[in-house]
Amino acid sequence: MSNNDSRAALVLSIEIVLMRRGGPQYHQVLAKLENYYDCRIFDCFEHPEYLGAVIKEVYPNDYQKIIDEFKIELDEMAAQKEIAEFLKSLEN
């Protein structure tokens, strides 16, 4: 799988998990990424710390559950090097 395919799968999984948790919070995540870092979820592949900080702010009590949901949604792709590194950086 190419790097772009990995990114697309990761972004889709993140969006699915966040949308399942509710539209208003999902839109808060998007707005905060834009306002704080001038980026979108797709851009967070290179800067997972941006996404991590925003998710911690929007979902302070559910942060680890959300990371776990990302892993479940990604299934076997979570073991791919780039994606595993991304998820690991979110957990730190």
C-alpha atoms as a PDB file:
ATOM      1  CA  MET A   1       0.000   0.000   0.000  1.00  0.00           C
ATOM      2  CA  SER A   2       1.381   3.405  -0.942  1.00  0.00           C
ATOM      3  CA  ASN A   3       1.948   6.205   1.525  1.00  0.00           C
ATOM      4  CA  ASN A   4      -1.006   8.126   0.056  1.00  0.00           C
ATOM      5  CA  ASP A   5      -3.248   5.080   0.431  1.00  0.00           C
ATOM      6  CA  SER A   6      -2.133   4.729   4.052  1.00  0.00           C
ATOM      7  CA  ARG A   7      -2.868   8.379   4.678  1.00  0.00           C
ATOM      8  CA  ALA A   8      -6.280   8.141   3.060  1.00  0.00           C
ATOM      9  CA  ALA A   9      -7.178   5.057   5.117  1.00  0.00           C
ATOM     10  CA  LEU A  10      -5.975   6.710   8.305  1.00  0.00           C
ATOM     11  CA  VAL A  11      -7.890   9.918   7.653  1.00  0.00           C
ATOM     12  CA  LEU A  12     -11.041   7.999   6.798  1.00  0.00           C
ATOM     13  CA  SER A  13     -10.750   5.924   9.973  1.00  0.00           C
ATOM     14  CA  ILE A  14     -10.195   9.015  12.119  1.00  0.00           C
ATOM     15  CA  GLU A  15     -13.178  10.757  10.573  1.00  0.00           C
ATOM     16  CA  ILE A  16     -15.420   7.707  10.998  1.00  0.00           C
ATOM     17  CA  VAL A  17     -14.515   7.355  14.684  1.00  0.00           C
ATOM     18  CA  LEU A  18     -14.979  11.050  15.415  1.00  0.00           C
ATOM     19  CA  MET A  19     -18.260  11.282  13.472  1.00  0.00           C
ATOM     20  CA  ARG A  20     -19.647   8.314  15.375  1.00  0.00           C
ATOM     21  CA  ARG A  21     -19.058  10.257  18.580  1.00  0.00           C
ATOM     22  CA  GLY A  22     -21.181  13.141  17.386  1.00  0.00           C
ATOM     23  CA  GLY A  23     -21.256  15.887  14.820  1.00  0.00           C
ATOM     24  CA  PRO A  24     -20.686  18.905  17.062  1.00  0.00           C
ATOM     25  CA  GLN A  25     -17.475  17.518  18.558  1.00  0.00           C
ATOM     26  CA  TYR A  26     -16.250  16.359  15.144  1.00  0.00           C
ATOM     27  CA  HIS A  27     -16.736  19.878  13.820  1.00  0.00           C
ATOM     28  CA  GLN A  28     -14.973  21.267  16.902  1.00  0.00           C
ATOM     29  CA  VAL A  29     -11.971  19.085  16.105  1.00  0.00           C
ATOM     30  CA  LEU A  30     -11.916  20.351  12.525  1.00  0.00           C
ATOM     31  CA  ALA A  31     -12.309  23.985  13.596  1.00  0.00           C
ATOM     32  CA  LYS A  32      -9.603  23.767  16.260  1.00  0.00           C
ATOM     33  CA  LEU A  33      -7.150  22.108  13.871  1.00  0.00           C
ATOM     34  CA  GLU A  34      -7.788  24.939  11.420  1.00  0.00           C
ATOM     35  CA  ASN A  35      -7.634  27.713  14.022  1.00  0.00           C
ATOM     36  CA  TYR A  36      -4.674  26.471  16.063  1.00  0.00           C
ATOM     37  CA  TYR A  37      -2.518  24.854  13.392  1.00  0.00           C
ATOM     38  CA  ASP A  38      -3.912  25.948  10.013  1.00  0.00           C
ATOM     39  CA  CYS A  39      -4.356  22.316   9.011  1.00  0.00           C
ATOM     40  CA  ARG A  40      -6.892  19.566   8.381  1.00  0.00           C
ATOM     41  CA  ILE A  41      -7.019  15.969   9.558  1.00  0.00           C
ATOM     42  CA  PHE A  42      -5.129  14.894   6.418  1.00  0.00           C
ATOM     43  CA  ASP A  43      -2.246  17.179   7.403  1.00  0.00           C
ATOM     44  CA  CYS A  44      -1.969  15.530  10.811  1.00  0.00           C
ATOM     45  CA  PHE A  45      -0.266  12.493   9.302  1.00  0.00           C
ATOM     46  CA  GLU A  46       2.978  14.462   9.541  1.00  0.00           C
ATOM     47  CA  HIS A  47       1.970  16.212  12.781  1.00  0.00           C
ATOM     48  CA  PRO A  48       0.040  13.762  14.956  1.00  0.00           C
ATOM     49  CA  GLU A  49       0.735  15.986  17.949  1.00  0.00           C
ATOM     50  CA  TYR A  50      -1.724  18.519  16.493  1.00  0.00           C
ATOM     51  CA  LEU A  51      -4.506  15.974  16.327  1.00  0.00           C
ATOM     52  CA  GLY A  52      -3.622  14.600  19.752  1.00  0.00           C
ATOM     53  CA  ALA A  53      -3.755  18.012  21.401  1.00  0.00           C
ATOM     54  CA  VAL A  54      -7.106  18.851  19.832  1.00  0.00           C
ATOM     55  CA  ILE A  55      -8.682  15.489  20.658  1.00  0.00           C
ATOM     56  CA  LYS A  56      -7.497  15.819  24.264  1.00  0.00           C
ATOM     57  CA  GLU A  57      -9.145  19.234  24.417  1.00  0.00           C
ATOM     58  CA  VAL A  58     -12.438  18.225  22.797  1.00  0.00           C
ATOM     59  CA  TYR A  59     -12.713  14.778  24.431  1.00  0.00           C
ATOM     60  CA  PRO A  60     -10.788  15.107  27.716  1.00  0.00           C
ATOM     61  CA  ASN A  61     -12.352  12.041  29.343  1.00  0.00           C
ATOM     62  CA  ASP A  62     -12.367   9.773  26.293  1.00  0.00           C
ATOM     63  CA  TYR A  63      -8.941  10.332  24.745  1.00  0.00           C
ATOM     64  CA  GLN A  64      -7.585   6.790  25.163  1.00  0.00           C
ATOM     65  CA  LYS A  65     -10.907   5.266  24.131  1.00  0.00           C
ATOM     66  CA  ILE A  66     -10.754   7.267  20.901  1.00  0.00           C
ATOM     67  CA  ILE A  67      -7.197   6.085  20.165  1.00  0.00           C
ATOM     68  CA  ASP A  68      -8.366   2.502  20.782  1.00  0.00           C
ATOM     69  CA  GLU A  69     -11.284   3.069  18.400  1.00  0.00           C
ATOM     70  CA  PHE A  70      -8.854   4.321  15.735  1.00  0.00           C
ATOM     71  CA  LYS A  71      -6.934   1.051  16.081  1.00  0.00           C
ATOM     72  CA  ILE A  72     -10.092  -1.036  15.840  1.00  0.00           C
ATOM     73  CA  GLU A  73     -11.287   0.888  12.788  1.00  0.00           C
ATOM     74  CA  LEU A  74      -7.919   0.536  11.072  1.00  0.00           C
ATOM     75  CA  ASP A  75      -7.854  -3.212  11.816  1.00  0.00           C
ATOM     76  CA  GLU A  76      -4.733  -4.867  10.359  1.00  0.00           C
ATOM     77  CA  MET A  77      -3.560  -1.557   8.864  1.00  0.00           C
ATOM     78  CA  ALA A  78      -2.729  -0.392  12.395  1.00  0.00           C
ATOM     79  CA  ALA A  79       0.318  -2.676  12.213  1.00  0.00           C
ATOM     80  CA  GLN A  80       1.786  -0.912   9.167  1.00  0.00           C
ATOM     81  CA  LYS A  81       4.897   1.001  10.129  1.00  0.00           C
ATOM     82  CA  GLU A  82       3.715   4.528   9.264  1.00  0.00           C
ATOM     83  CA  ILE A  83       0.316   4.061  10.854  1.00  0.00           C
ATOM     84  CA  ALA A  84       1.719   2.307  13.935  1.00  0.00           C
ATOM     85  CA  GLU A  85       4.142   5.209  14.442  1.00  0.00           C
ATOM     86  CA  PHE A  86       1.311   7.709  14.048  1.00  0.00           C
ATOM     87  CA  LEU A  87      -0.851   5.905  16.619  1.00  0.00           C
ATOM     88  CA  LYS A  88       2.083   5.530  19.009  1.00  0.00           C
ATOM     89  CA  SER A  89       2.770   9.264  18.852  1.00  0.00           C
ATOM     90  CA  LEU A  90      -0.883   9.922  19.718  1.00  0.00           C
ATOM     91  CA  GLU A  91      -0.550   7.744  22.798  1.00  0.00           C
ATOM     92  CA  ASN A  92       2.414   9.718  24.162  1.00  0.00           C
END
